[in-house]
Amino acid sequence: MADLQMQRAVLALVLHEHPTLLTLPVLAGRVLANPRTLSGGVTLARALRDLDNEGLVFGNGFLIQPSRPALYVKRLLGGS
């Protein structure tokens, strides 16, 4: 999966599940075909790093949640 596709998948899932916080293992299980592969883990880590750098998600190394700006954009686009 390309980096931008992974970022979209991660952000969409995190926004959809809000206010539930997702753990890294749960997130990996939902966005990766095989969550135990090194390449999948690297792709997921890169996506989370990029989303965090852009201010769209926050993570503490285990739990992932959307940022306030990401939630605002979701509301603007008609998400609940």
C-alpha atoms as a PDB file:
ATOM      1  CA  MET A   1       0.000   0.000   0.000  1.00  0.00           C
ATOM      2  CA  ALA A   2       1.433   3.397  -0.934  1.00  0.00           C
ATOM      3  CA  ASP A   3       2.198   5.904   1.810  1.00  0.00           C
ATOM      4  CA  LEU A   4      -0.668   8.274   0.979  1.00  0.00           C
ATOM      5  CA  GLN A   5      -3.142   5.402   0.765  1.00  0.00           C
ATOM      6  CA  MET A   6      -2.005   4.182   4.182  1.00  0.00           C
ATOM      7  CA  GLN A   7      -2.306   7.675   5.627  1.00  0.00           C
ATOM      8  CA  ARG A   8      -5.850   7.966   4.263  1.00  0.00           C
ATOM      9  CA  ALA A   9      -6.794   4.542   5.641  1.00  0.00           C
ATOM     10  CA  VAL A  10      -5.356   5.315   9.076  1.00  0.00           C
ATOM     11  CA  LEU A  11      -6.909   8.773   9.311  1.00  0.00           C
ATOM     12  CA  ALA A  12     -10.297   7.540   8.111  1.00  0.00           C
ATOM     13  CA  LEU A  13     -10.309   4.747  10.684  1.00  0.00           C
ATOM     14  CA  VAL A  14      -9.148   6.970  13.539  1.00  0.00           C
ATOM     15  CA  LEU A  15     -11.818   9.559  12.694  1.00  0.00           C
ATOM     16  CA  HIS A  16     -14.508   6.917  12.287  1.00  0.00           C
ATOM     17  CA  GLU A  17     -13.728   5.295  15.638  1.00  0.00           C
ATOM     18  CA  HIS A  18     -13.515   8.569  17.573  1.00  0.00           C
ATOM     19  CA  PRO A  19     -14.088   8.967  20.558  1.00  0.00           C
ATOM     20  CA  THR A  20     -12.754   5.437  20.967  1.00  0.00           C
ATOM     21  CA  LEU A  21      -8.969   5.459  21.175  1.00  0.00           C
ATOM     22  CA  LEU A  22      -7.251   2.850  19.045  1.00  0.00           C
ATOM     23  CA  THR A  23      -4.214   0.914  20.161  1.00  0.00           C
ATOM     24  CA  LEU A  24      -1.405   0.292  17.698  1.00  0.00           C
ATOM     25  CA  PRO A  25      -2.124  -3.470  17.532  1.00  0.00           C
ATOM     26  CA  VAL A  26      -5.830  -2.860  16.821  1.00  0.00           C
ATOM     27  CA  LEU A  27      -5.010  -0.222  14.218  1.00  0.00           C
ATOM     28  CA  ALA A  28      -2.497  -2.545  12.541  1.00  0.00           C
ATOM     29  CA  GLY A  29      -5.016  -5.364  12.516  1.00  0.00           C
ATOM     30  CA  ARG A  30      -7.573  -3.216  10.750  1.00  0.00           C
ATOM     31  CA  VAL A  31      -5.434  -1.513   8.111  1.00  0.00           C
ATOM     32  CA  LEU A  32      -2.838  -4.169   7.296  1.00  0.00           C
ATOM     33  CA  ALA A  33      -3.491  -7.429   5.474  1.00  0.00           C
ATOM     34  CA  ASN A  34      -0.829  -9.111   7.642  1.00  0.00           C
ATOM     35  CA  PRO A  35      -0.153  -6.966  10.717  1.00  0.00           C
ATOM     36  CA  ARG A  36       2.840  -9.043  11.842  1.00  0.00           C
ATOM     37  CA  THR A  37       5.054  -8.287   8.845  1.00  0.00           C
ATOM     38  CA  LEU A  38       7.967  -5.893   9.160  1.00  0.00           C
ATOM     39  CA  SER A  39       7.135  -4.088   5.926  1.00  0.00           C
ATOM     40  CA  GLY A  40       3.547  -3.512   7.048  1.00  0.00           C
ATOM     41  CA  GLY A  41       4.709  -2.223  10.413  1.00  0.00           C
ATOM     42  CA  VAL A  42       7.163   0.161   8.774  1.00  0.00           C
ATOM     43  CA  THR A  43       4.482   1.462   6.416  1.00  0.00           C
ATOM     44  CA  LEU A  44       2.068   1.990   9.313  1.00  0.00           C
ATOM     45  CA  ALA A  45       4.738   3.704  11.431  1.00  0.00           C
ATOM     46  CA  ARG A  46       5.616   6.020   8.531  1.00  0.00           C
ATOM     47  CA  ALA A  47       1.938   6.888   8.010  1.00  0.00           C
ATOM     48  CA  LEU A  48       1.450   7.652  11.704  1.00  0.00           C
ATOM     49  CA  ARG A  49       4.635   9.751  11.773  1.00  0.00           C
ATOM     50  CA  ASP A  50       3.504  11.784   8.764  1.00  0.00           C
ATOM     51  CA  LEU A  51      -0.022  12.274  10.107  1.00  0.00           C
ATOM     52  CA  ASP A  52       1.404  13.338  13.465  1.00  0.00           C
ATOM     53  CA  ASN A  53       3.842  15.749  11.790  1.00  0.00           C
ATOM     54  CA  GLU A  54       0.917  17.340   9.940  1.00  0.00           C
ATOM     55  CA  GLY A  55      -1.062  17.682  13.181  1.00  0.00           C
ATOM     56  CA  LEU A  56      -3.834  15.261  12.207  1.00  0.00           C
ATOM     57  CA  VAL A  57      -3.347  12.548  14.823  1.00  0.00           C
ATOM     58  CA  PHE A  58      -1.704  12.233  18.207  1.00  0.00           C
ATOM     59  CA  GLY A  59      -0.084   9.123  19.536  1.00  0.00           C
ATOM     60  CA  ASN A  60       1.734   8.263  22.727  1.00  0.00           C
ATOM     61  CA  GLY A  61       3.420   5.167  21.340  1.00  0.00           C
ATOM     62  CA  PHE A  62       0.441   2.933  22.079  1.00  0.00           C
ATOM     63  CA  LEU A  63      -2.830   4.890  21.753  1.00  0.00           C
ATOM     64  CA  ILE A  64      -3.819   6.879  18.661  1.00  0.00           C
ATOM     65  CA  GLN A  65      -6.429   9.627  18.505  1.00  0.00           C
ATOM     66  CA  PRO A  66      -7.414  12.329  16.007  1.00  0.00           C
ATOM     67  CA  SER A  67      -6.427  15.941  16.589  1.00  0.00           C
ATOM     68  CA  ARG A  68      -8.959  18.732  17.040  1.00  0.00           C
ATOM     69  CA  PRO A  69      -8.237  20.130  13.540  1.00  0.00           C
ATOM     70  CA  ALA A  70      -8.863  16.680  12.006  1.00  0.00           C
ATOM     71  CA  LEU A  71     -12.169  16.412  13.878  1.00  0.00           C
ATOM     72  CA  TYR A  72     -13.145  19.901  12.717  1.00  0.00           C
ATOM     73  CA  VAL A  73     -12.471  19.022   9.071  1.00  0.00           C
ATOM     74  CA  LYS A  74     -14.526  15.852   9.521  1.00  0.00           C
ATOM     75  CA  ARG A  75     -17.458  17.970  10.741  1.00  0.00           C
ATOM     76  CA  LEU A  76     -17.020  20.415   7.841  1.00  0.00           C
ATOM     77  CA  LEU A  77     -17.153  17.564   5.339  1.00  0.00           C
ATOM     78  CA  GLY A  78     -20.369  16.232   6.801  1.00  0.00           C
ATOM     79  CA  GLY A  79     -19.064  13.511   9.072  1.00  0.00           C
ATOM     80  CA  SER A  80     -20.742  13.073  12.410  1.00  0.00           C
END
